[in-house]
Amino acid sequence: MYENEHEAMYQEARKLVRRGISVIPTGGGISPKAKEPHHEALKATGHWYLGRGGERRSTWKVMQTRLPTEDELRAWYLEHRARGIGFVTGSLSGWVVVDVDPEGLSLLAELGWQPHVVSPSGGAHLYLRHPGWYVPSNASKNKAALPPGFDIRGDGGYVMYPPSRTRKGQYRRSEQRQPLALEDIPELVTAQGVEYPLREALGLVPPAAPARAAKVQQVQTYQGGHEGERVPVWLMLDRAEGYAPISRNRGAFMFGLWMHANDYSQDEALRHVEEYVARVQAVKRTPFTLDEARRTVESAYRYPKNEPWQRQDEL
């Protein structure tokens, strides 16, 4: 297979795209960067931006908002001979993937979950239908929130897909075909004597769930304005911009929550997304697209409506 590996990846990538699943090229094979995006293939097909030093840096963010074209697939796999497939997770493809490293296999066995893909390291990938709200990738930014070895690839993420391989071996499909369901994921699990809020930590708690909604039910106050007027949009943009150094998506999400709480329609909120993106674009080196920000704001409108902001002179 190794000689024609890129052709096998091309055919498999085409199958995924026909099923409505977005993909990106990865290094694959025995490359030390087998699991990384194939930077040269991406840049050759126009997926790049200028770094601060003026160098071209590859990006695959657009593949979170649209499927690759046939020309792009041919260029990636037949011309630039990419040897790996990155399965793009999130709302576009319709899937999220629970990623379990070997450290988490004992808990996986206790849960009775059967992997859909076995990784070269012996870990497991379990596929779950996208629940319809924003699911962060690498949810375990705070590793203490998740059991050892557990993580998730959701919106903005990808996983390696068979028959891709690394130096350790090949990703393999299992016999399991039934997707994991939200109901299969317990709210609490115990691993190594520690209790973990598994479903919430994976970002798989529905927006209406009290444990999730409680985090955003905070009444905001502001000064100025006239009685009866809505909270100024510029003020909410200012506060959302303050989140950008940590996460531009988080800022967009909070902007959507605040616009919703203060009686602005979703269409009104979306009309101001471009201004938010312009404000925060340069905060980090990686690009932040208008489509990405729009999807995040739309996801905020699926959450329960919070209390409106209160003018300080009304308190």
C-alpha atoms as a PDB file:
ATOM      1  CA  MET A   1       0.000   0.000   0.000  1.00  0.00           C
ATOM      2  CA  TYR A   2       2.829   2.404   0.758  1.00  0.00           C
ATOM      3  CA  GLU A   3       3.693   3.081  -2.879  1.00  0.00           C
ATOM      4  CA  ASN A   4       0.128   4.078  -3.769  1.00  0.00           C
ATOM      5  CA  GLU A   5      -0.781   5.390  -0.344  1.00  0.00           C
ATOM      6  CA  HIS A   6      -1.673   8.865  -1.572  1.00  0.00           C
ATOM      7  CA  GLU A   7      -4.073   7.394  -4.149  1.00  0.00           C
ATOM      8  CA  ALA A   8      -5.829   5.315  -1.485  1.00  0.00           C
ATOM      9  CA  MET A   9      -6.215   8.446   0.651  1.00  0.00           C
ATOM     10  CA  TYR A  10      -7.608  10.344  -2.327  1.00  0.00           C
ATOM     11  CA  GLN A  11     -10.301   7.736  -2.915  1.00  0.00           C
ATOM     12  CA  GLU A  12     -11.226   7.558   0.768  1.00  0.00           C
ATOM     13  CA  ALA A  13     -11.337  11.357   1.032  1.00  0.00           C
ATOM     14  CA  ARG A  14     -13.697  11.492  -1.946  1.00  0.00           C
ATOM     15  CA  LYS A  15     -16.031   9.009  -0.237  1.00  0.00           C
ATOM     16  CA  LEU A  16     -16.158  11.146   2.883  1.00  0.00           C
ATOM     17  CA  VAL A  17     -16.870  14.336   0.937  1.00  0.00           C
ATOM     18  CA  ARG A  18     -19.699  12.590  -0.941  1.00  0.00           C
ATOM     19  CA  ARG A  19     -21.208  11.842   2.477  1.00  0.00           C
ATOM     20  CA  GLY A  20     -21.045  15.531   3.389  1.00  0.00           C
ATOM     21  CA  ILE A  21     -17.970  15.219   5.606  1.00  0.00           C
ATOM     22  CA  SER A  22     -15.210  17.785   5.278  1.00  0.00           C
ATOM     23  CA  VAL A  23     -11.582  16.652   5.165  1.00  0.00           C
ATOM     24  CA  ILE A  24      -8.112  18.154   5.126  1.00  0.00           C
ATOM     25  CA  PRO A  25      -4.814  16.655   3.931  1.00  0.00           C
ATOM     26  CA  THR A  26      -2.339  15.575   6.583  1.00  0.00           C
ATOM     27  CA  GLY A  27       1.283  14.468   6.341  1.00  0.00           C
ATOM     28  CA  GLY A  28       0.531  10.819   7.059  1.00  0.00           C
ATOM     29  CA  GLY A  29       2.952   7.975   6.455  1.00  0.00           C
ATOM     30  CA  ILE A  30       6.092   7.840   8.554  1.00  0.00           C
ATOM     31  CA  SER A  31       6.576  11.600   8.601  1.00  0.00           C
ATOM     32  CA  PRO A  32       7.286  13.068  12.059  1.00  0.00           C
ATOM     33  CA  LYS A  33       4.406  15.414  11.231  1.00  0.00           C
ATOM     34  CA  ALA A  34       2.039  12.642  10.142  1.00  0.00           C
ATOM     35  CA  LYS A  35      -0.854  14.009  12.221  1.00  0.00           C
ATOM     36  CA  GLU A  36      -0.342  17.642  11.240  1.00  0.00           C
ATOM     37  CA  PRO A  37      -2.044  19.342   8.280  1.00  0.00           C
ATOM     38  CA  HIS A  38      -0.074  19.008   5.030  1.00  0.00           C
ATOM     39  CA  HIS A  39       1.089  22.619   5.000  1.00  0.00           C
ATOM     40  CA  GLU A  40       2.505  22.715   1.481  1.00  0.00           C
ATOM     41  CA  ALA A  41      -0.582  21.113  -0.065  1.00  0.00           C
ATOM     42  CA  LEU A  42      -2.835  23.612   1.681  1.00  0.00           C
ATOM     43  CA  LYS A  43      -0.740  26.623   0.712  1.00  0.00           C
ATOM     44  CA  ALA A  44      -0.548  25.422  -2.897  1.00  0.00           C
ATOM     45  CA  THR A  45      -4.351  25.499  -3.090  1.00  0.00           C
ATOM     46  CA  GLY A  46      -4.671  29.005  -1.667  1.00  0.00           C
ATOM     47  CA  HIS A  47      -5.237  28.147   1.993  1.00  0.00           C
ATOM     48  CA  TRP A  48      -2.712  30.427   3.647  1.00  0.00           C
ATOM     49  CA  TYR A  49      -2.287  33.758   5.419  1.00  0.00           C
ATOM     50  CA  LEU A  50       0.671  36.012   6.089  1.00  0.00           C
ATOM     51  CA  GLY A  51       2.402  35.576   9.439  1.00  0.00           C
ATOM     52  CA  ARG A  52       3.804  38.508  11.342  1.00  0.00           C
ATOM     53  CA  GLY A  53       7.166  37.986   9.701  1.00  0.00           C
ATOM     54  CA  GLY A  54       5.594  38.090   6.233  1.00  0.00           C
ATOM     55  CA  GLU A  55       5.865  34.308   5.736  1.00  0.00           C
ATOM     56  CA  ARG A  56       3.020  32.254   4.303  1.00  0.00           C
ATOM     57  CA  ARG A  57       1.403  30.042   6.902  1.00  0.00           C
ATOM     58  CA  SER A  58      -1.117  27.352   6.021  1.00  0.00           C
ATOM     59  CA  THR A  59      -4.675  27.339   7.336  1.00  0.00           C
ATOM     60  CA  TRP A  60      -7.586  24.916   7.016  1.00  0.00           C
ATOM     61  CA  LYS A  61     -10.280  26.980   8.755  1.00  0.00           C
ATOM     62  CA  VAL A  62     -12.343  27.349   5.592  1.00  0.00           C
ATOM     63  CA  MET A  63     -12.864  23.566   5.622  1.00  0.00           C
ATOM     64  CA  GLN A  64     -14.936  24.056   8.761  1.00  0.00           C
ATOM     65  CA  THR A  65     -17.451  26.018   6.685  1.00  0.00           C
ATOM     66  CA  ARG A  66     -17.459  24.220   3.317  1.00  0.00           C
ATOM     67  CA  LEU A  67     -16.483  20.913   1.727  1.00  0.00           C
ATOM     68  CA  PRO A  68     -13.294  20.660  -0.337  1.00  0.00           C
ATOM     69  CA  THR A  69     -13.721  20.678  -4.090  1.00  0.00           C
ATOM     70  CA  GLU A  70     -12.690  17.838  -6.392  1.00  0.00           C
ATOM     71  CA  ASP A  71      -9.851  20.023  -7.699  1.00  0.00           C
ATOM     72  CA  GLU A  72      -8.579  20.564  -4.159  1.00  0.00           C
ATOM     73  CA  LEU A  73      -8.697  16.843  -3.383  1.00  0.00           C
ATOM     74  CA  ARG A  74      -6.774  16.018  -6.543  1.00  0.00           C
ATOM     75  CA  ALA A  75      -4.167  18.665  -5.795  1.00  0.00           C
ATOM     76  CA  TRP A  76      -3.733  17.534  -2.189  1.00  0.00           C
ATOM     77  CA  TYR A  77      -3.467  13.811  -2.792  1.00  0.00           C
ATOM     78  CA  LEU A  78      -2.430  13.267  -6.406  1.00  0.00           C
ATOM     79  CA  GLU A  79      -0.177  16.270  -7.013  1.00  0.00           C
ATOM     80  CA  HIS A  80       1.263  16.907  -3.548  1.00  0.00           C
ATOM     81  CA  ARG A  81       0.927  13.268  -2.455  1.00  0.00           C
ATOM     82  CA  ALA A  82      -0.551  13.838   0.986  1.00  0.00           C
ATOM     83  CA  ARG A  83      -0.639  10.501   2.795  1.00  0.00           C
ATOM     84  CA  GLY A  84      -3.158  11.180   5.530  1.00  0.00           C
ATOM     85  CA  ILE A  85      -6.783  12.228   5.981  1.00  0.00           C
ATOM     86  CA  GLY A  86      -7.984  14.646   8.603  1.00  0.00           C
ATOM     87  CA  PHE A  87     -11.690  14.090   9.334  1.00  0.00           C
ATOM     88  CA  VAL A  88     -13.006  17.597  10.150  1.00  0.00           C
ATOM     89  CA  THR A  89     -15.340  17.426  13.122  1.00  0.00           C
ATOM     90  CA  GLY A  90     -18.084  19.896  13.988  1.00  0.00           C
ATOM     91  CA  SER A  91     -21.408  21.153  12.718  1.00  0.00           C
ATOM     92  CA  LEU A  92     -20.553  21.068   9.002  1.00  0.00           C
ATOM     93  CA  SER A  93     -19.654  17.383   8.947  1.00  0.00           C
ATOM     94  CA  GLY A  94     -22.258  16.561  11.574  1.00  0.00           C
ATOM     95  CA  TRP A  95     -19.968  14.620  13.931  1.00  0.00           C
ATOM     96  CA  VAL A  96     -17.946  15.026  17.100  1.00  0.00           C
ATOM     97  CA  VAL A  97     -15.392  12.439  18.229  1.00  0.00           C
ATOM     98  CA  VAL A  98     -14.574  11.361  21.761  1.00  0.00           C
ATOM     99  CA  ASP A  99     -10.820  10.740  21.711  1.00  0.00           C
ATOM    100  CA  VAL A 100      -9.551   8.239  24.283  1.00  0.00           C
ATOM    101  CA  ASP A 101      -5.831   7.681  24.813  1.00  0.00           C
ATOM    102  CA  PRO A 102      -4.490   4.370  26.189  1.00  0.00           C
ATOM    103  CA  GLU A 103      -4.578   5.925  29.669  1.00  0.00           C
ATOM    104  CA  GLY A 104      -8.380   6.054  29.462  1.00  0.00           C
ATOM    105  CA  LEU A 105      -8.993   2.532  28.122  1.00  0.00           C
ATOM    106  CA  SER A 106      -9.847   1.035  31.493  1.00  0.00           C
ATOM    107  CA  LEU A 107     -12.662   3.556  31.992  1.00  0.00           C
ATOM    108  CA  LEU A 108     -13.752   2.983  28.398  1.00  0.00           C
ATOM    109  CA  ALA A 109     -14.148  -0.715  29.187  1.00  0.00           C
ATOM    110  CA  GLU A 110     -16.148   0.073  32.339  1.00  0.00           C
ATOM    111  CA  LEU A 111     -18.496   2.250  30.295  1.00  0.00           C
ATOM    112  CA  GLY A 112     -18.944  -0.569  27.793  1.00  0.00           C
ATOM    113  CA  TRP A 113     -18.220   1.658  24.814  1.00  0.00           C
ATOM    114  CA  GLN A 114     -16.956   0.045  21.623  1.00  0.00           C
ATOM    115  CA  PRO A 115     -14.518   2.156  19.574  1.00  0.00           C
ATOM    116  CA  HIS A 116     -15.269   3.022  15.969  1.00  0.00           C
ATOM    117  CA  VAL A 117     -11.603   3.577  15.146  1.00  0.00           C
ATOM    118  CA  VAL A 118      -8.515   2.180  16.862  1.00  0.00           C
ATOM    119  CA  SER A 119      -5.481   4.466  16.723  1.00  0.00           C
ATOM    120  CA  PRO A 120      -1.872   3.289  16.174  1.00  0.00           C
ATOM    121  CA  SER A 121      -1.138   3.901  19.877  1.00  0.00           C
ATOM    122  CA  GLY A 122      -3.995   1.599  20.873  1.00  0.00           C
ATOM    123  CA  GLY A 123      -6.333   4.458  21.740  1.00  0.00           C
ATOM    124  CA  ALA A 124      -9.914   4.799  20.547  1.00  0.00           C
ATOM    125  CA  HIS A 125     -12.096   7.207  18.591  1.00  0.00           C
ATOM    126  CA  LEU A 126     -15.835   7.136  19.269  1.00  0.00           C
ATOM    127  CA  TYR A 127     -18.170   8.952  16.877  1.00  0.00           C
ATOM    128  CA  LEU A 128     -21.185  10.913  18.095  1.00  0.00           C
ATOM    129  CA  ARG A 129     -23.710  12.907  16.057  1.00  0.00           C
ATOM    130  CA  HIS A 130     -23.150  16.640  16.446  1.00  0.00           C
ATOM    131  CA  PRO A 131     -25.711  17.759  19.062  1.00  0.00           C
ATOM    132  CA  GLY A 132     -26.592  21.067  17.375  1.00  0.00           C
ATOM    133  CA  TRP A 133     -24.794  23.492  19.688  1.00  0.00           C
ATOM    134  CA  TYR A 134     -21.169  24.630  19.716  1.00  0.00           C
ATOM    135  CA  VAL A 135     -18.896  21.852  20.989  1.00  0.00           C
ATOM    136  CA  PRO A 136     -15.313  22.987  21.660  1.00  0.00           C
ATOM    137  CA  SER A 137     -12.408  20.851  20.523  1.00  0.00           C
ATOM    138  CA  ASN A 138      -9.769  19.904  23.071  1.00  0.00           C
ATOM    139  CA  ALA A 139     -12.403  20.452  25.726  1.00  0.00           C
ATOM    140  CA  SER A 140      -9.921  19.509  28.411  1.00  0.00           C
ATOM    141  CA  LYS A 141      -8.072  22.818  28.450  1.00  0.00           C
ATOM    142  CA  ASN A 142      -8.354  22.225  32.155  1.00  0.00           C
ATOM    143  CA  LYS A 143      -7.246  18.585  32.308  1.00  0.00           C
ATOM    144  CA  ALA A 144      -8.619  18.267  35.839  1.00  0.00           C
ATOM    145  CA  ALA A 145     -12.177  18.446  34.453  1.00  0.00           C
ATOM    146  CA  LEU A 146     -11.929  15.203  32.452  1.00  0.00           C
ATOM    147  CA  PRO A 147     -10.895  11.662  33.349  1.00  0.00           C
ATOM    148  CA  PRO A 148      -7.293  10.837  32.391  1.00  0.00           C
ATOM    149  CA  GLY A 149      -7.014  10.038  28.705  1.00  0.00           C
ATOM    150  CA  PHE A 150     -10.369  11.528  27.631  1.00  0.00           C
ATOM    151  CA  ASP A 151     -10.870  14.453  25.261  1.00  0.00           C
ATOM    152  CA  ILE A 152     -13.146  15.518  22.420  1.00  0.00           C
ATOM    153  CA  ARG A 153     -12.820  16.860  18.892  1.00  0.00           C
ATOM    154  CA  GLY A 154     -15.771  19.084  18.030  1.00  0.00           C
ATOM    155  CA  ASP A 155     -16.160  22.403  16.252  1.00  0.00           C
ATOM    156  CA  GLY A 156     -12.798  23.612  15.005  1.00  0.00           C
ATOM    157  CA  GLY A 157     -11.123  20.209  15.291  1.00  0.00           C
ATOM    158  CA  TYR A 158     -10.207  17.120  13.308  1.00  0.00           C
ATOM    159  CA  VAL A 159      -9.089  13.546  13.845  1.00  0.00           C
ATOM    160  CA  MET A 160      -6.994  11.232  11.721  1.00  0.00           C
ATOM    161  CA  TYR A 161      -9.109   8.838   9.694  1.00  0.00           C
ATOM    162  CA  PRO A 162      -8.392   5.330   8.338  1.00  0.00           C
ATOM    163  CA  PRO A 163      -6.453   4.192   6.442  1.00  0.00           C
ATOM    164  CA  SER A 164      -4.068   6.970   7.538  1.00  0.00           C
ATOM    165  CA  ARG A 165      -1.026   5.873   9.481  1.00  0.00           C
ATOM    166  CA  THR A 166       1.840   7.174  11.560  1.00  0.00           C
ATOM    167  CA  ARG A 167       5.187   5.666  12.485  1.00  0.00           C
ATOM    168  CA  LYS A 168       3.406   3.613  15.141  1.00  0.00           C
ATOM    169  CA  GLY A 169       1.012   1.989  12.676  1.00  0.00           C
ATOM    170  CA  GLN A 170      -2.331   2.439  10.966  1.00  0.00           C
ATOM    171  CA  TYR A 171      -5.697   3.793  12.040  1.00  0.00           C
ATOM    172  CA  ARG A 172      -8.192   0.929  11.765  1.00  0.00           C
ATOM    173  CA  ARG A 173     -11.973   0.792  11.578  1.00  0.00           C
ATOM    174  CA  SER A 174     -13.608  -1.568  14.053  1.00  0.00           C
ATOM    175  CA  GLU A 175     -16.737  -3.644  13.608  1.00  0.00           C
ATOM    176  CA  GLN A 176     -18.763  -1.085  15.548  1.00  0.00           C
ATOM    177  CA  ARG A 177     -21.146   0.912  13.344  1.00  0.00           C
ATOM    178  CA  GLN A 178     -23.720   2.252  15.814  1.00  0.00           C
ATOM    179  CA  PRO A 179     -22.837   5.851  16.804  1.00  0.00           C
ATOM    180  CA  LEU A 180     -22.379   6.748  20.427  1.00  0.00           C
ATOM    181  CA  ALA A 181     -25.463   8.558  21.777  1.00  0.00           C
ATOM    182  CA  LEU A 182     -25.641  11.420  24.251  1.00  0.00           C
ATOM    183  CA  GLU A 183     -27.654   9.130  26.507  1.00  0.00           C
ATOM    184  CA  ASP A 184     -24.709   6.727  26.578  1.00  0.00           C
ATOM    185  CA  ILE A 185     -22.499   9.339  28.239  1.00  0.00           C
ATOM    186  CA  PRO A 186     -23.052   9.452  32.000  1.00  0.00           C
ATOM    187  CA  GLU A 187     -23.145  12.776  33.765  1.00  0.00           C
ATOM    188  CA  LEU A 188     -20.671  11.552  36.378  1.00  0.00           C
ATOM    189  CA  VAL A 189     -17.964   8.904  36.266  1.00  0.00           C
ATOM    190  CA  THR A 190     -15.324   7.792  38.736  1.00  0.00           C
ATOM    191  CA  ALA A 191     -11.768   7.069  37.619  1.00  0.00           C
ATOM    192  CA  GLN A 192      -8.855   6.316  39.916  1.00  0.00           C
ATOM    193  CA  GLY A 193     -10.987   7.293  42.889  1.00  0.00           C
ATOM    194  CA  VAL A 194     -11.887  10.737  41.488  1.00  0.00           C
ATOM    195  CA  GLU A 195     -15.365  11.784  40.318  1.00  0.00           C
ATOM    196  CA  TYR A 196     -15.597  13.649  37.002  1.00  0.00           C
ATOM    197  CA  PRO A 197     -18.555  15.487  35.342  1.00  0.00           C
ATOM    198  CA  LEU A 198     -17.926  13.651  32.082  1.00  0.00           C
ATOM    199  CA  ARG A 199     -20.784  14.874  29.906  1.00  0.00           C
ATOM    200  CA  GLU A 200     -20.425  18.520  30.866  1.00  0.00           C
ATOM    201  CA  ALA A 201     -16.627  18.455  30.637  1.00  0.00           C
ATOM    202  CA  LEU A 202     -16.873  17.103  27.089  1.00  0.00           C
ATOM    203  CA  GLY A 203     -19.134  20.027  26.143  1.00  0.00           C
ATOM    204  CA  LEU A 204     -22.083  17.688  25.567  1.00  0.00           C
ATOM    205  CA  VAL A 205     -24.618  19.181  27.960  1.00  0.00           C
ATOM    206  CA  PRO A 206     -27.653  20.603  26.104  1.00  0.00           C
ATOM    207  CA  PRO A 207     -28.022  24.391  26.287  1.00  0.00           C
ATOM    208  CA  ALA A 208     -31.186  24.094  28.382  1.00  0.00           C
ATOM    209  CA  ALA A 209     -29.442  22.072  31.090  1.00  0.00           C
ATOM    210  CA  PRO A 210     -29.318  24.072  34.336  1.00  0.00           C
ATOM    211  CA  ALA A 211     -25.654  23.216  34.995  1.00  0.00           C
ATOM    212  CA  ARG A 212     -24.661  24.766  31.684  1.00  0.00           C
ATOM    213  CA  ALA A 213     -27.018  27.716  31.713  1.00  0.00           C
ATOM    214  CA  ALA A 214     -26.036  28.771  35.231  1.00  0.00           C
ATOM    215  CA  LYS A 215     -22.619  29.859  34.003  1.00  0.00           C
ATOM    216  CA  VAL A 216     -24.082  32.562  31.787  1.00  0.00           C
ATOM    217  CA  GLN A 217     -26.965  33.759  33.960  1.00  0.00           C
ATOM    218  CA  GLN A 218     -25.145  36.832  35.229  1.00  0.00           C
ATOM    219  CA  VAL A 219     -26.902  40.216  35.213  1.00  0.00           C
ATOM    220  CA  GLN A 220     -24.694  42.865  33.615  1.00  0.00           C
ATOM    221  CA  THR A 221     -24.852  46.531  34.565  1.00  0.00           C
ATOM    222  CA  TYR A 222     -23.985  49.631  32.547  1.00  0.00           C
ATOM    223  CA  GLN A 223     -24.018  53.402  32.767  1.00  0.00           C
ATOM    224  CA  GLY A 224     -25.578  55.967  30.477  1.00  0.00           C
ATOM    225  CA  GLY A 225     -28.379  55.801  27.988  1.00  0.00           C
ATOM    226  CA  HIS A 226     -31.981  56.880  28.413  1.00  0.00           C
ATOM    227  CA  GLU A 227     -34.746  55.024  30.157  1.00  0.00           C
ATOM    228  CA  GLY A 228     -36.485  52.606  27.819  1.00  0.00           C
ATOM    229  CA  GLU A 229     -33.626  52.499  25.311  1.00  0.00           C
ATOM    230  CA  ARG A 230     -31.886  49.236  24.505  1.00  0.00           C
ATOM    231  CA  VAL A 231     -28.317  48.667  25.626  1.00  0.00           C
ATOM    232  CA  PRO A 232     -25.980  50.218  23.000  1.00  0.00           C
ATOM    233  CA  VAL A 233     -24.459  47.662  20.653  1.00  0.00           C
ATOM    234  CA  TRP A 234     -21.056  49.346  20.840  1.00  0.00           C
ATOM    235  CA  LEU A 235     -20.967  48.704  24.586  1.00  0.00           C
ATOM    236  CA  MET A 236     -21.565  44.975  24.136  1.00  0.00           C
ATOM    237  CA  LEU A 237     -18.926  44.907  21.381  1.00  0.00           C
ATOM    238  CA  ASP A 238     -16.450  46.611  23.717  1.00  0.00           C
ATOM    239  CA  ARG A 239     -16.994  44.008  26.412  1.00  0.00           C
ATOM    240  CA  ALA A 240     -16.904  41.100  23.970  1.00  0.00           C
ATOM    241  CA  GLU A 241     -13.601  42.399  22.618  1.00  0.00           C
ATOM    242  CA  GLY A 242     -12.148  41.973  26.094  1.00  0.00           C
ATOM    243  CA  TYR A 243     -12.467  38.182  25.741  1.00  0.00           C
ATOM    244  CA  ALA A 244     -10.461  38.071  22.506  1.00  0.00           C
ATOM    245  CA  PRO A 245      -6.969  37.609  24.029  1.00  0.00           C
ATOM    246  CA  ILE A 246      -8.272  34.417  25.646  1.00  0.00           C
ATOM    247  CA  SER A 247     -10.654  33.284  22.884  1.00  0.00           C
ATOM    248  CA  ARG A 248     -12.131  35.258  20.003  1.00  0.00           C
ATOM    249  CA  ASN A 249     -14.864  32.624  19.717  1.00  0.00           C
ATOM    250  CA  ARG A 250     -15.702  33.102  23.378  1.00  0.00           C
ATOM    251  CA  GLY A 251     -16.049  36.834  22.794  1.00  0.00           C
ATOM    252  CA  ALA A 252     -18.379  36.221  19.853  1.00  0.00           C
ATOM    253  CA  PHE A 253     -20.410  33.817  21.968  1.00  0.00           C
ATOM    254  CA  MET A 254     -20.772  36.326  24.803  1.00  0.00           C
ATOM    255  CA  PHE A 255     -21.735  39.049  22.318  1.00  0.00           C
ATOM    256  CA  GLY A 256     -24.510  36.779  21.006  1.00  0.00           C
ATOM    257  CA  LEU A 257     -25.729  36.011  24.539  1.00  0.00           C
ATOM    258  CA  TRP A 258     -25.806  39.703  25.440  1.00  0.00           C
ATOM    259  CA  MET A 259     -27.564  40.795  22.243  1.00  0.00           C
ATOM    260  CA  HIS A 260     -30.173  38.087  22.819  1.00  0.00           C
ATOM    261  CA  ALA A 261     -30.651  39.103  26.461  1.00  0.00           C
ATOM    262  CA  ASN A 262     -31.125  42.763  25.513  1.00  0.00           C
ATOM    263  CA  ASP A 263     -33.918  42.118  23.004  1.00  0.00           C
ATOM    264  CA  TYR A 264     -31.921  42.258  19.784  1.00  0.00           C
ATOM    265  CA  SER A 265     -32.931  39.727  17.142  1.00  0.00           C
ATOM    266  CA  GLN A 266     -30.453  37.222  15.760  1.00  0.00           C
ATOM    267  CA  ASP A 267     -30.459  39.064  12.427  1.00  0.00           C
ATOM    268  CA  GLU A 268     -29.552  42.301  14.224  1.00  0.00           C
ATOM    269  CA  ALA A 269     -26.710  40.555  16.030  1.00  0.00           C
ATOM    270  CA  LEU A 270     -25.363  39.057  12.808  1.00  0.00           C
ATOM    271  CA  ARG A 271     -25.269  42.486  11.184  1.00  0.00           C
ATOM    272  CA  HIS A 272     -22.657  43.521  13.764  1.00  0.00           C
ATOM    273  CA  VAL A 273     -20.474  40.396  13.542  1.00  0.00           C
ATOM    274  CA  GLU A 274     -18.250  41.900  10.851  1.00  0.00           C
ATOM    275  CA  GLU A 275     -17.388  44.792  13.168  1.00  0.00           C
ATOM    276  CA  TYR A 276     -16.503  42.351  15.958  1.00  0.00           C
ATOM    277  CA  VAL A 277     -14.240  40.332  13.642  1.00  0.00           C
ATOM    278  CA  ALA A 278     -12.486  43.502  12.465  1.00  0.00           C
ATOM    279  CA  ARG A 279     -11.827  44.500  16.061  1.00  0.00           C
ATOM    280  CA  VAL A 280     -10.336  41.166  17.181  1.00  0.00           C
ATOM    281  CA  GLN A 281      -8.718  39.827  14.000  1.00  0.00           C
ATOM    282  CA  ALA A 282      -5.196  40.975  14.906  1.00  0.00           C
ATOM    283  CA  VAL A 283      -5.306  39.816  18.527  1.00  0.00           C
ATOM    284  CA  LYS A 284      -3.864  36.419  17.534  1.00  0.00           C
ATOM    285  CA  ARG A 285      -1.735  35.277  14.627  1.00  0.00           C
ATOM    286  CA  THR A 286      -4.187  32.728  13.268  1.00  0.00           C
ATOM    287  CA  PRO A 287      -7.051  33.989  11.080  1.00  0.00           C
ATOM    288  CA  PHE A 288     -10.537  34.403  12.494  1.00  0.00           C
ATOM    289  CA  THR A 289     -13.214  34.228   9.813  1.00  0.00           C
ATOM    290  CA  LEU A 290     -16.538  35.985   9.542  1.00  0.00           C
ATOM    291  CA  ASP A 291     -18.300  32.645   9.010  1.00  0.00           C
ATOM    292  CA  GLU A 292     -16.764  31.246  12.183  1.00  0.00           C
ATOM    293  CA  ALA A 293     -17.911  34.242  14.214  1.00  0.00           C
ATOM    294  CA  ARG A 294     -21.405  34.121  12.697  1.00  0.00           C
ATOM    295  CA  ARG A 295     -21.825  30.446  13.603  1.00  0.00           C
ATOM    296  CA  THR A 296     -20.742  31.157  17.163  1.00  0.00           C
ATOM    297  CA  VAL A 297     -23.213  34.037  17.543  1.00  0.00           C
ATOM    298  CA  GLU A 298     -25.982  31.853  16.093  1.00  0.00           C
ATOM    299  CA  SER A 299     -25.151  29.136  18.637  1.00  0.00           C
ATOM    300  CA  ALA A 300     -25.565  31.688  21.462  1.00  0.00           C
ATOM    301  CA  TYR A 301     -29.150  32.317  20.362  1.00  0.00           C
ATOM    302  CA  ARG A 302     -29.930  28.647  20.986  1.00  0.00           C
ATOM    303  CA  TYR A 303     -29.224  29.120  24.689  1.00  0.00           C
ATOM    304  CA  PRO A 304     -31.923  30.236  27.148  1.00  0.00           C
ATOM    305  CA  LYS A 305     -32.381  33.983  27.142  1.00  0.00           C
ATOM    306  CA  ASN A 306     -30.527  35.644  30.020  1.00  0.00           C
ATOM    307  CA  GLU A 307     -31.651  38.567  32.148  1.00  0.00           C
ATOM    308  CA  PRO A 308     -31.312  41.931  30.361  1.00  0.00           C
ATOM    309  CA  TRP A 309     -28.611  44.344  31.439  1.00  0.00           C
ATOM    310  CA  GLN A 310     -29.615  46.964  34.018  1.00  0.00           C
ATOM    311  CA  ARG A 311     -28.687  50.615  34.075  1.00  0.00           C
ATOM    312  CA  GLN A 312     -26.852  51.452  37.274  1.00  0.00           C
ATOM    313  CA  ASP A 313     -29.208  54.311  38.116  1.00  0.00           C
ATOM    314  CA  GLU A 314     -32.075  51.815  38.027  1.00  0.00           C
ATOM    315  CA  LEU A 315     -30.508  49.608  40.716  1.00  0.00           C
END
